[in-house]
Amino acid sequence: MSEVWLALIYTLVPLITAITALVVAIRANNKGIRNNKTLSDQNLRALKGKPKE
């Protein structure tokens, strides 16, 4: 019976680790996209605000 539990643990632990890493990567990516968007918005506003030479 203990071998079954060991096999289960050896299967589940890497699976949980992989899912967690995936979730963290997706969240970080979403934050990055949001930050890039706000930065590009700020750059556009700065360009619009400049007087034409």
N, C-alpha and C. Protein backbone atom coordinates (compact mmCIF):
# COMPACT_ATOMS: atom_id res chain seq x y z
N MET A 1 0.83 -1.21 0.00
CA MET A 1 0.00 0.00 0.00
C MET A 1 0.86 1.26 0.00
N SER A 2 2.00 1.21 0.72
CA SER A 2 2.86 2.39 0.81
C SER A 2 3.45 2.74 -0.56
N GLU A 3 3.67 1.71 -1.39
CA GLU A 3 4.21 1.97 -2.73
C GLU A 3 3.22 2.76 -3.58
N VAL A 4 1.93 2.48 -3.39
CA VAL A 4 0.89 3.21 -4.13
C VAL A 4 0.91 4.68 -3.74
N TRP A 5 1.02 4.94 -2.43
CA TRP A 5 1.07 6.32 -1.96
C TRP A 5 2.30 7.04 -2.49
N LEU A 6 3.44 6.34 -2.46
CA LEU A 6 4.67 6.93 -2.98
C LEU A 6 4.52 7.28 -4.45
N ALA A 7 3.95 6.37 -5.21
CA ALA A 7 3.75 6.61 -6.64
C ALA A 7 2.83 7.81 -6.85
N LEU A 8 1.80 7.90 -6.02
CA LEU A 8 0.85 9.02 -6.11
C LEU A 8 1.55 10.34 -5.81
N ILE A 9 2.36 10.34 -4.74
CA ILE A 9 3.09 11.55 -4.36
C ILE A 9 4.07 11.94 -5.46
N TYR A 10 4.80 10.96 -5.99
CA TYR A 10 5.78 11.26 -7.04
C TYR A 10 5.11 11.78 -8.31
N THR A 11 3.83 11.44 -8.51
CA THR A 11 3.12 11.92 -9.70
C THR A 11 2.52 13.30 -9.45
N LEU A 12 1.94 13.48 -8.25
CA LEU A 12 1.21 14.72 -7.96
C LEU A 12 2.12 15.91 -7.70
N VAL A 13 3.22 15.70 -7.00
CA VAL A 13 4.09 16.83 -6.63
C VAL A 13 4.61 17.58 -7.86
N PRO A 14 5.19 16.91 -8.86
CA PRO A 14 5.64 17.65 -10.05
C PRO A 14 4.49 18.30 -10.81
N LEU A 15 3.32 17.64 -10.79
CA LEU A 15 2.14 18.18 -11.47
C LEU A 15 1.71 19.49 -10.81
N ILE A 16 1.62 19.49 -9.48
CA ILE A 16 1.23 20.70 -8.75
C ILE A 16 2.27 21.79 -8.97
N THR A 17 3.55 21.42 -8.94
CA THR A 17 4.62 22.39 -9.16
C THR A 17 4.50 23.02 -10.54
N ALA A 18 4.23 22.20 -11.55
CA ALA A 18 4.11 22.70 -12.92
C ALA A 18 2.93 23.64 -13.05
N ILE A 19 1.79 23.28 -12.45
CA ILE A 19 0.60 24.13 -12.53
C ILE A 19 0.86 25.46 -11.84
N THR A 20 1.49 25.41 -10.66
CA THR A 20 1.80 26.63 -9.92
C THR A 20 2.71 27.53 -10.74
N ALA A 21 3.75 26.96 -11.34
CA ALA A 21 4.68 27.74 -12.15
C ALA A 21 3.96 28.37 -13.34
N LEU A 22 3.03 27.63 -13.93
CA LEU A 22 2.27 28.14 -15.07
C LEU A 22 1.40 29.32 -14.64
N VAL A 23 0.72 29.19 -13.51
CA VAL A 23 -0.14 30.26 -13.00
C VAL A 23 0.69 31.51 -12.71
N VAL A 24 1.83 31.32 -12.07
CA VAL A 24 2.71 32.45 -11.74
C VAL A 24 3.18 33.13 -13.02
N ALA A 25 3.56 32.33 -14.03
CA ALA A 25 4.04 32.89 -15.30
C ALA A 25 2.94 33.67 -15.99
N ILE A 26 1.72 33.15 -15.98
CA ILE A 26 0.60 33.85 -16.63
C ILE A 26 0.31 35.16 -15.91
N ARG A 27 0.31 35.13 -14.58
CA ARG A 27 0.05 36.36 -13.82
C ARG A 27 1.13 37.40 -14.09
N ALA A 28 2.38 36.98 -14.11
CA ALA A 28 3.48 37.91 -14.37
C ALA A 28 3.36 38.49 -15.77
N ASN A 29 2.96 37.66 -16.72
CA ASN A 29 2.80 38.10 -18.10
C ASN A 29 1.68 39.12 -18.20
N ASN A 30 0.57 38.89 -17.52
CA ASN A 30 -0.54 39.84 -17.54
C ASN A 30 -0.13 41.18 -16.96
N LYS A 31 0.62 41.14 -15.86
CA LYS A 31 1.10 42.38 -15.25
C LYS A 31 2.00 43.12 -16.22
N GLY A 32 2.87 42.37 -16.88
CA GLY A 32 3.79 42.97 -17.85
C GLY A 32 3.05 43.65 -18.97
N ILE A 33 2.01 43.00 -19.49
CA ILE A 33 1.24 43.58 -20.58
C ILE A 33 0.56 44.85 -20.10
N ARG A 34 0.00 44.82 -18.90
CA ARG A 34 -0.68 46.00 -18.36
C ARG A 34 0.30 47.15 -18.20
N ASN A 35 1.48 46.85 -17.67
CA ASN A 35 2.49 47.89 -17.47
C ASN A 35 2.93 48.48 -18.80
N ASN A 36 3.12 47.62 -19.80
CA ASN A 36 3.53 48.11 -21.12
C ASN A 36 2.46 49.01 -21.70
N LYS A 37 1.20 48.65 -21.49
CA LYS A 37 0.09 49.44 -22.03
C LYS A 37 0.09 50.83 -21.39
N THR A 38 0.24 50.88 -20.07
CA THR A 38 0.21 52.18 -19.41
C THR A 38 1.42 53.00 -19.83
N LEU A 39 2.56 52.35 -20.01
CA LEU A 39 3.75 53.07 -20.45
C LEU A 39 3.55 53.65 -21.85
N SER A 40 2.99 52.84 -22.75
CA SER A 40 2.78 53.32 -24.12
C SER A 40 1.74 54.43 -24.12
N ASP A 41 0.73 54.35 -23.26
CA ASP A 41 -0.27 55.42 -23.15
C ASP A 41 0.41 56.71 -22.69
N GLN A 42 1.29 56.59 -21.71
CA GLN A 42 2.00 57.78 -21.21
C GLN A 42 2.87 58.37 -22.31
N ASN A 43 3.54 57.51 -23.07
CA ASN A 43 4.39 57.99 -24.16
C ASN A 43 3.57 58.71 -25.21
N LEU A 44 2.39 58.15 -25.54
CA LEU A 44 1.52 58.78 -26.53
C LEU A 44 1.05 60.14 -26.02
N ARG A 45 0.67 60.21 -24.74
CA ARG A 45 0.22 61.48 -24.17
C ARG A 45 1.34 62.51 -24.21
N ALA A 46 2.55 62.05 -23.91
CA ALA A 46 3.70 62.95 -23.91
C ALA A 46 3.94 63.48 -25.33
N LEU A 47 3.80 62.61 -26.32
CA LEU A 47 4.01 63.03 -27.71
C LEU A 47 2.93 64.01 -28.15
N LYS A 48 1.68 63.74 -27.74
CA LYS A 48 0.58 64.63 -28.11
C LYS A 48 0.74 65.99 -27.45
N GLY A 49 1.28 65.99 -26.23
CA GLY A 49 1.41 67.24 -25.48
C GLY A 49 2.53 68.14 -26.00
N LYS A 50 3.47 67.57 -26.75
CA LYS A 50 4.60 68.37 -27.24
C LYS A 50 4.14 69.32 -28.35
N PRO A 51 4.59 70.57 -28.31
CA PRO A 51 4.27 71.49 -29.41
C PRO A 51 5.04 71.10 -30.66
N LYS A 52 4.42 71.28 -31.82
CA LYS A 52 5.08 70.92 -33.07
C LYS A 52 6.17 71.94 -33.38
N GLU A 53 7.31 71.43 -33.82
CA GLU A 53 8.43 72.33 -34.12
C GLU A 53 8.40 72.76 -35.57
